[in-house]
Amino acid sequence: MSRHDASKLATRLGRQAEAVCREYLPSGRREGRYWMVGDVRNTPGRSMFVRLTGPESGKGAAGKWTDAATSEHGDLLDVIRESCGLIDFKDVVDEARRFLSLPHPEPEPAGHNARQSPAPTGSPLAAKRLFSMAQPIAGTLAESYLRNRGITVLHGTGSLRFHPRCYYRPDEHAPTETWPALIASVTDLDGHQTGAHRTYLDPSGLDPGGFSEATLGKAPIDTPRRAMGDLLGHAVRFGVAGEVLAAGEGIETVLSPRIVLPHMPMLAALSAAHLAAIAFPADLRRLYVLRDRDPAGDNARQSLIARATGEGIEAIGLTPLRDDFNEDLRELGVDAMRAALREQLRPQDVARFMDE
């Protein structure tokens, strides 16, 4: 992307400066014409201020920010990069474009304190609100949970966030509990959020000095994974799909091959039934289906391959050495998984996507 194109993208973000701040700097708050927060990495505080109004460019432009404590300054692309912990500029651009494709409410007038009306339980609106209240995963229990499962490549994961106290109710008669949770945004082909997925985490992995990696896992509850909203045909997406796409069931299953295929667009459908029903991007030409070795997974894989083939899409199953690709990663290691995938991918995709 050229400097001119990046400037145009920053200008588009500036037109929705308050929505950007609510999305990526939720630890802050609006005060008059500014959004006040601790720093560009979303630390609570008041030393950084973002202009919410102003011209589209030049001095005092909307979206420009300054940190009075450090003298750092920048635009909203910098906010997205730092708050999400992104490194490659391409990932920053992809995340900015994902954000801009979402519908956003008009900014509230300064000083407006009216409470939002409750969203129906489990609805797409409730899912959107949950995701907006969560924070980027960098430096959180969610990031450490993923790293403990061998998942160390986390660029392009703006669809994942962390909520420290996410509501959980075992059943309709039980009291509500709160657990930390990995929150995933479920979106349609246009990037509009339709649902959310929660992986509840065990806070006993915390100690006064940080995270104890050996104990990080899912919460000790009956259903540590729950979804809400409209999921059919939609998915949790990593990267922008083009002619090639890989699809699987679980988030960890999909994130594992990204260790060696960091630039291949992928999606997690969240269940075998939903994997079989994913919608295909218009320009998709080759689909890799990540296999889970169980009857439901095999049925979903066969159904999806048949659907894709019927629509003129080349469909190829990728089979793990163990039960799933995260097990391959954790028990056999990166090199073994890379070797197994190399044998199953088309040669041109090995050259294009595989990290040597």
Protein backbone atom coordinates (compact mmCIF):
# COMPACT_ATOMS: atom_id res chain seq x y z
CA MET A 1 0.00 0.00 0.00
CA SER A 2 1.35 3.44 -0.95
CA ARG A 3 1.69 6.30 1.52
CA HIS A 4 -1.19 8.05 -0.28
CA ASP A 5 -3.45 5.00 0.12
CA ALA A 6 -2.52 4.68 3.80
CA SER A 7 -3.38 8.35 4.30
CA LYS A 8 -6.79 7.82 2.69
CA LEU A 9 -7.44 4.83 4.98
CA ALA A 10 -6.48 6.89 8.05
CA THR A 11 -8.86 9.62 6.87
CA ARG A 12 -11.73 7.12 6.59
CA LEU A 13 -10.98 5.95 10.12
CA GLY A 14 -10.92 9.57 11.30
CA ARG A 15 -14.49 10.04 10.11
CA GLN A 16 -15.47 7.37 12.67
CA ALA A 17 -12.90 8.36 15.29
CA GLU A 18 -15.15 7.74 18.29
CA ALA A 19 -16.21 4.31 17.01
CA VAL A 20 -12.53 3.42 16.46
CA CYS A 21 -11.71 4.48 20.03
CA ARG A 22 -14.59 2.50 21.48
CA GLU A 23 -13.42 -0.55 19.52
CA TYR A 24 -9.66 -0.42 20.12
CA LEU A 25 -9.25 1.79 23.21
CA PRO A 26 -12.15 0.62 25.42
CA SER A 27 -10.23 1.42 28.62
CA GLY A 28 -10.74 5.12 27.86
CA ARG A 29 -13.74 7.41 27.74
CA ARG A 30 -15.01 10.41 25.83
CA GLU A 31 -14.43 13.81 27.40
CA GLY A 32 -15.73 16.66 25.26
CA ARG A 33 -14.06 16.56 21.84
CA TYR A 34 -11.44 14.00 22.92
CA TRP A 35 -11.09 10.34 23.82
CA MET A 36 -8.90 10.03 26.93
CA VAL A 37 -6.91 6.86 27.72
CA GLY A 38 -3.58 5.89 29.28
CA ASP A 39 -1.66 5.13 26.10
CA VAL A 40 -1.94 3.77 22.56
CA ARG A 41 -1.84 0.20 23.90
CA ASN A 42 -5.15 0.76 25.76
CA THR A 43 -3.73 1.12 29.26
CA PRO A 44 -6.19 2.80 31.64
CA GLY A 45 -5.31 6.44 32.34
CA ARG A 46 -5.62 9.97 30.97
CA SER A 47 -2.31 10.95 29.40
CA MET A 48 -3.24 10.16 25.78
CA PHE A 49 -5.95 12.09 23.96
CA VAL A 50 -7.48 11.38 20.55
CA ARG A 51 -9.26 14.13 18.62
CA LEU A 52 -12.82 13.03 17.82
CA THR A 53 -13.72 16.05 15.67
CA GLY A 54 -11.83 18.28 13.29
CA PRO A 55 -10.81 18.53 9.63
CA GLU A 56 -9.97 15.43 7.61
CA SER A 57 -6.30 16.32 7.31
CA GLY A 58 -3.70 18.71 8.60
CA LYS A 59 -3.39 20.27 12.02
CA GLY A 60 -6.09 19.19 14.46
CA ALA A 61 -7.46 16.45 12.17
CA ALA A 62 -9.97 13.99 13.60
CA GLY A 63 -8.24 10.78 14.64
CA LYS A 64 -4.88 12.36 15.45
CA TRP A 65 -3.59 11.57 18.93
CA THR A 66 -0.87 12.65 21.31
CA ASP A 67 0.45 11.03 24.48
CA ALA A 68 1.40 13.85 26.83
CA ALA A 69 3.50 11.52 29.00
CA THR A 70 5.76 10.23 26.23
CA SER A 71 5.29 12.80 23.42
CA GLU A 72 4.27 9.93 21.11
CA HIS A 73 1.74 10.88 18.45
CA GLY A 74 0.12 9.36 15.40
CA ASP A 75 -3.12 8.45 13.68
CA LEU A 76 -5.75 5.74 14.05
CA LEU A 77 -3.76 3.21 12.02
CA ASP A 78 -1.14 3.44 14.78
CA VAL A 79 -3.89 2.86 17.35
CA ILE A 80 -4.97 -0.32 15.57
CA ARG A 81 -1.38 -1.55 15.24
CA GLU A 82 -0.40 -0.99 18.85
CA SER A 83 -3.65 -1.96 20.58
CA CYS A 84 -3.86 -5.24 18.61
CA GLY A 85 -0.15 -6.01 18.87
CA LEU A 86 0.26 -6.22 15.09
CA ILE A 87 3.65 -6.15 13.39
CA ASP A 88 3.13 -6.38 9.63
CA PHE A 89 1.53 -3.29 8.07
CA LYS A 90 -0.56 -5.58 5.86
CA ASP A 91 -2.23 -6.96 9.01
CA VAL A 92 -2.94 -3.40 10.19
CA VAL A 93 -4.56 -2.59 6.85
CA ASP A 94 -6.61 -5.80 6.88
CA GLU A 95 -7.85 -5.06 10.40
CA ALA A 96 -8.70 -1.44 9.49
CA ARG A 97 -10.65 -2.61 6.44
CA ARG A 98 -12.47 -5.20 8.56
CA PHE A 99 -13.47 -2.47 10.99
CA LEU A 100 -14.61 -0.10 8.27
CA SER A 101 -16.87 -2.79 6.77
CA LEU A 102 -18.89 -3.02 10.01
CA PRO A 103 -21.98 -0.92 10.69
CA HIS A 104 -21.36 1.64 13.43
CA PRO A 105 -23.85 3.74 15.39
CA GLU A 106 -23.72 7.50 15.30
CA PRO A 107 -21.46 8.92 18.05
CA GLU A 108 -23.27 9.89 21.20
CA PRO A 109 -23.34 13.62 22.05
CA ALA A 110 -20.74 14.65 24.61
CA GLY A 111 -22.03 14.19 28.13
CA HIS A 112 -24.72 11.72 27.01
CA ASN A 113 -25.13 9.14 29.78
CA ALA A 114 -28.26 7.29 28.72
CA ARG A 115 -27.96 3.54 29.17
CA GLN A 116 -28.33 1.26 26.16
CA SER A 117 -31.47 -0.82 26.06
CA PRO A 118 -30.75 -4.50 26.75
CA ALA A 119 -30.02 -6.67 23.73
CA PRO A 120 -31.95 -9.96 23.48
CA THR A 121 -29.95 -12.76 25.09
CA GLY A 122 -27.88 -14.64 22.53
CA SER A 123 -28.75 -12.25 19.70
CA PRO A 124 -26.33 -10.85 17.09
CA LEU A 125 -26.65 -7.47 18.82
CA ALA A 126 -25.67 -9.01 22.15
CA ALA A 127 -22.69 -10.65 20.41
CA LYS A 128 -21.56 -7.31 18.95
CA ARG A 129 -21.79 -5.62 22.33
CA LEU A 130 -19.83 -8.40 24.01
CA PHE A 131 -17.04 -8.17 21.45
CA SER A 132 -16.91 -4.37 21.70
CA MET A 133 -16.51 -4.60 25.49
CA ALA A 134 -13.56 -7.01 25.22
CA GLN A 135 -9.93 -5.96 24.77
CA PRO A 136 -7.17 -7.01 22.32
CA ILE A 137 -5.54 -10.26 23.41
CA ALA A 138 -1.94 -8.99 23.55
CA GLY A 139 -0.56 -9.45 27.06
CA THR A 140 -3.71 -11.13 28.40
CA LEU A 141 -4.62 -14.54 29.76
CA ALA A 142 -6.12 -15.33 26.33
CA GLU A 143 -2.80 -14.82 24.58
CA SER A 144 -1.02 -16.97 27.16
CA TYR A 145 -3.68 -19.68 26.82
CA LEU A 146 -3.06 -19.85 23.06
CA ARG A 147 0.72 -19.83 23.48
CA ASN A 148 0.41 -22.66 25.98
CA ARG A 149 -1.24 -24.65 23.20
CA GLY A 150 1.72 -23.98 20.94
CA ILE A 151 0.07 -21.16 18.99
CA THR A 152 2.72 -18.46 18.76
CA VAL A 153 1.82 -16.86 15.41
CA LEU A 154 -0.85 -14.33 16.34
CA HIS A 155 -0.67 -11.73 13.57
CA GLY A 156 -3.95 -11.20 11.75
CA THR A 157 -5.99 -12.27 14.80
CA GLY A 158 -8.02 -9.08 15.24
CA SER A 159 -11.10 -11.32 15.34
CA LEU A 160 -9.98 -12.50 18.81
CA ARG A 161 -10.33 -10.53 22.05
CA PHE A 162 -10.22 -11.07 25.80
CA HIS A 163 -12.87 -10.36 28.45
CA PRO A 164 -11.69 -10.66 32.07
CA ARG A 165 -15.18 -11.22 33.55
CA CYS A 166 -17.52 -12.74 30.98
CA TYR A 167 -20.94 -13.89 32.16
CA TYR A 168 -21.61 -17.64 32.35
CA ARG A 169 -24.80 -19.31 33.50
CA PRO A 170 -24.70 -23.13 33.81
CA ASP A 171 -28.48 -23.38 33.21
CA GLU A 172 -31.59 -21.22 33.44
CA HIS A 173 -32.06 -22.02 37.14
CA ALA A 174 -28.47 -21.42 38.24
CA PRO A 175 -26.95 -18.10 39.35
CA THR A 176 -24.78 -16.18 36.92
CA GLU A 177 -21.01 -16.61 37.25
CA THR A 178 -18.13 -14.71 35.69
CA TRP A 179 -15.03 -16.22 34.10
CA PRO A 180 -12.24 -14.80 31.94
CA ALA A 181 -12.86 -15.66 28.30
CA LEU A 182 -11.33 -15.65 24.84
CA ILE A 183 -13.94 -13.90 22.67
CA ALA A 184 -14.06 -14.54 18.90
CA SER A 185 -16.01 -12.45 16.40
CA VAL A 186 -18.12 -14.44 13.92
CA THR A 187 -18.57 -12.58 10.63
CA ASP A 188 -20.21 -12.99 7.24
CA LEU A 189 -18.44 -12.72 3.88
CA ASP A 190 -18.69 -8.92 3.97
CA GLY A 191 -17.05 -8.70 7.40
CA HIS A 192 -20.25 -7.87 9.27
CA GLN A 193 -20.33 -9.39 12.74
CA THR A 194 -23.19 -11.87 13.18
CA GLY A 195 -22.18 -13.67 16.36
CA ALA A 196 -19.53 -14.38 18.96
CA HIS A 197 -17.84 -17.42 20.45
CA ARG A 198 -16.60 -17.67 24.03
CA THR A 199 -13.86 -19.96 25.35
CA TYR A 200 -13.99 -19.64 29.12
CA LEU A 201 -10.54 -19.79 30.73
CA ASP A 202 -9.27 -21.01 34.07
CA PRO A 203 -8.00 -18.03 36.12
CA SER A 204 -5.95 -20.36 38.33
CA GLY A 205 -3.33 -20.00 35.59
CA LEU A 206 -2.64 -16.59 37.12
CA ASP A 207 -0.07 -15.93 39.81
CA PRO A 208 1.24 -12.67 41.30
CA GLY A 209 4.12 -12.63 38.88
CA GLY A 210 2.01 -13.16 35.76
CA PHE A 211 0.91 -16.37 34.05
CA SER A 212 1.86 -19.91 35.05
CA GLU A 213 1.99 -21.54 31.62
CA ALA A 214 1.72 -25.10 32.93
CA THR A 215 -1.76 -24.54 34.34
CA LEU A 216 -3.35 -22.42 31.65
CA GLY A 217 -6.45 -24.11 30.26
CA LYS A 218 -10.19 -23.91 29.86
CA ALA A 219 -12.38 -23.13 32.86
CA PRO A 220 -13.53 -26.12 34.97
CA ILE A 221 -17.18 -25.78 33.94
CA ASP A 222 -19.59 -28.05 32.05
CA THR A 223 -19.56 -26.06 28.79
CA PRO A 224 -16.36 -24.00 28.52
CA ARG A 225 -17.15 -23.17 24.88
CA ARG A 226 -20.34 -21.33 23.94
CA ALA A 227 -21.54 -19.46 20.87
CA MET A 228 -24.18 -16.77 20.41
CA GLY A 229 -25.78 -14.96 17.50
CA ASP A 230 -26.20 -16.09 13.90
CA LEU A 231 -23.54 -18.68 13.03
CA LEU A 232 -24.91 -20.61 10.03
CA GLY A 233 -22.73 -20.00 6.99
CA HIS A 234 -20.47 -17.63 8.93
CA ALA A 235 -17.11 -18.07 10.69
CA VAL A 236 -14.24 -16.66 12.72
CA ARG A 237 -11.85 -15.36 10.06
CA PHE A 238 -8.07 -14.97 10.00
CA GLY A 239 -6.82 -13.04 6.98
CA VAL A 240 -8.78 -11.88 3.95
CA ALA A 241 -9.91 -14.74 1.72
CA GLY A 242 -8.94 -14.70 -1.95
CA GLU A 243 -8.56 -17.56 -4.41
CA VAL A 244 -7.20 -19.88 -1.69
CA LEU A 245 -8.75 -20.55 1.73
CA ALA A 246 -8.37 -23.12 4.51
CA ALA A 247 -11.35 -24.00 6.72
CA GLY A 248 -11.67 -26.02 9.91
CA GLU A 249 -13.85 -26.48 12.97
CA GLY A 250 -12.16 -25.11 16.09
CA ILE A 251 -10.18 -21.93 16.64
CA GLU A 252 -7.11 -23.77 17.95
CA THR A 253 -7.33 -26.31 15.11
CA VAL A 254 -7.23 -23.49 12.56
CA LEU A 255 -4.60 -21.35 14.29
CA SER A 256 -2.18 -24.28 14.50
CA PRO A 257 -1.41 -24.65 10.74
CA ARG A 258 -0.95 -20.86 10.59
CA ILE A 259 2.33 -21.44 12.41
CA VAL A 260 3.75 -22.77 9.13
CA LEU A 261 1.24 -21.16 6.74
CA PRO A 262 1.17 -17.63 8.21
CA HIS A 263 -0.16 -15.90 5.09
CA MET A 264 -2.86 -18.38 4.05
CA PRO A 265 -6.36 -17.03 4.82
CA MET A 266 -8.22 -19.37 7.18
CA LEU A 267 -11.53 -19.62 8.99
CA ALA A 268 -12.95 -21.51 11.96
CA ALA A 269 -16.58 -22.57 11.60
CA LEU A 270 -16.79 -23.58 15.32
CA SER A 271 -18.52 -26.94 14.82
CA ALA A 272 -18.73 -29.80 12.34
CA ALA A 273 -22.27 -28.86 11.28
CA HIS A 274 -21.32 -25.24 10.68
CA LEU A 275 -18.17 -26.25 8.80
CA ALA A 276 -20.29 -28.18 6.30
CA ALA A 277 -22.43 -25.05 5.74
CA ILE A 278 -19.84 -22.26 5.34
CA ALA A 279 -20.49 -19.71 2.59
CA PHE A 280 -17.92 -19.53 -0.21
CA PRO A 281 -16.25 -16.23 -1.24
CA ALA A 282 -17.06 -15.30 -4.84
CA ASP A 283 -13.43 -15.53 -6.02
CA LEU A 284 -12.56 -18.77 -4.19
CA ARG A 285 -10.83 -21.30 -6.45
CA ARG A 286 -9.19 -23.76 -4.03
CA LEU A 287 -10.43 -24.79 -0.58
CA TYR A 288 -8.39 -26.76 1.94
CA VAL A 289 -10.51 -28.51 4.58
CA LEU A 290 -8.74 -29.20 7.89
CA ARG A 291 -9.76 -32.61 9.17
CA ASP A 292 -10.68 -33.53 12.74
CA ARG A 293 -10.38 -37.30 13.16
CA ASP A 294 -13.86 -38.13 14.47
CA PRO A 295 -17.10 -39.26 12.76
CA ALA A 296 -18.74 -35.83 12.89
CA GLY A 297 -15.61 -34.19 11.53
CA ASP A 298 -15.27 -36.67 8.70
CA ASN A 299 -18.91 -36.27 7.70
CA ALA A 300 -18.58 -32.48 7.69
CA ARG A 301 -15.39 -32.65 5.64
CA GLN A 302 -16.95 -34.91 3.03
CA SER A 303 -20.09 -32.77 2.82
CA LEU A 304 -18.10 -29.55 2.43
CA ILE A 305 -15.81 -31.04 -0.22
CA ALA A 306 -18.86 -32.25 -2.17
CA ARG A 307 -20.50 -28.79 -1.96
CA ALA A 308 -17.35 -27.00 -3.07
CA THR A 309 -16.70 -29.41 -5.93
CA GLY A 310 -20.27 -28.93 -7.12
CA GLU A 311 -19.62 -25.20 -7.37
CA GLY A 312 -16.44 -25.63 -9.39
CA ILE A 313 -14.05 -25.11 -6.46
CA GLU A 314 -11.09 -27.45 -6.08
CA ALA A 315 -11.48 -28.96 -2.60
CA ILE A 316 -8.65 -30.77 -0.80
CA GLY A 317 -8.74 -32.40 2.62
CA LEU A 318 -5.78 -31.89 4.95
CA THR A 319 -5.32 -34.70 7.46
CA PRO A 320 -3.40 -34.37 10.76
CA LEU A 321 -1.03 -37.06 11.97
CA ARG A 322 -2.87 -37.25 15.31
CA ASP A 323 -6.50 -36.39 16.09
CA ASP A 324 -6.29 -32.73 15.08
CA PHE A 325 -3.70 -30.17 14.02
CA ASN A 326 -3.31 -28.63 17.47
CA GLU A 327 -2.43 -32.07 18.83
CA ASP A 328 0.13 -32.40 16.02
CA LEU A 329 1.61 -29.03 16.96
CA ARG A 330 1.79 -29.72 20.70
CA GLU A 331 2.92 -33.34 20.63
CA LEU A 332 4.94 -33.63 17.41
CA GLY A 333 6.20 -30.08 16.92
CA VAL A 334 6.33 -27.51 14.16
CA ASP A 335 8.73 -29.39 11.87
CA ALA A 336 6.60 -32.55 11.81
CA MET A 337 3.45 -30.57 11.07
CA ARG A 338 5.22 -28.61 8.33
CA ALA A 339 6.45 -31.83 6.69
CA ALA A 340 2.97 -33.41 6.82
CA LEU A 341 1.29 -30.35 5.32
CA ARG A 342 3.93 -29.99 2.60
CA GLU A 343 2.98 -33.41 1.26
CA GLN A 344 -0.73 -32.49 1.06
CA LEU A 345 -0.68 -28.93 -0.30
CA ARG A 346 -0.51 -28.03 -3.97
CA PRO A 347 3.15 -27.19 -4.83
CA GLN A 348 2.26 -23.62 -5.79
CA ASP A 349 0.67 -23.08 -2.39
CA VAL A 350 3.74 -24.46 -0.61
CA ALA A 351 5.83 -21.88 -2.45
CA ARG A 352 3.32 -19.10 -1.84
CA PHE A 353 2.21 -19.65 1.75
CA MET A 354 4.60 -21.93 3.63
CA ASP A 355 7.04 -20.31 6.06
CA GLU A 356 10.36 -22.12 5.78
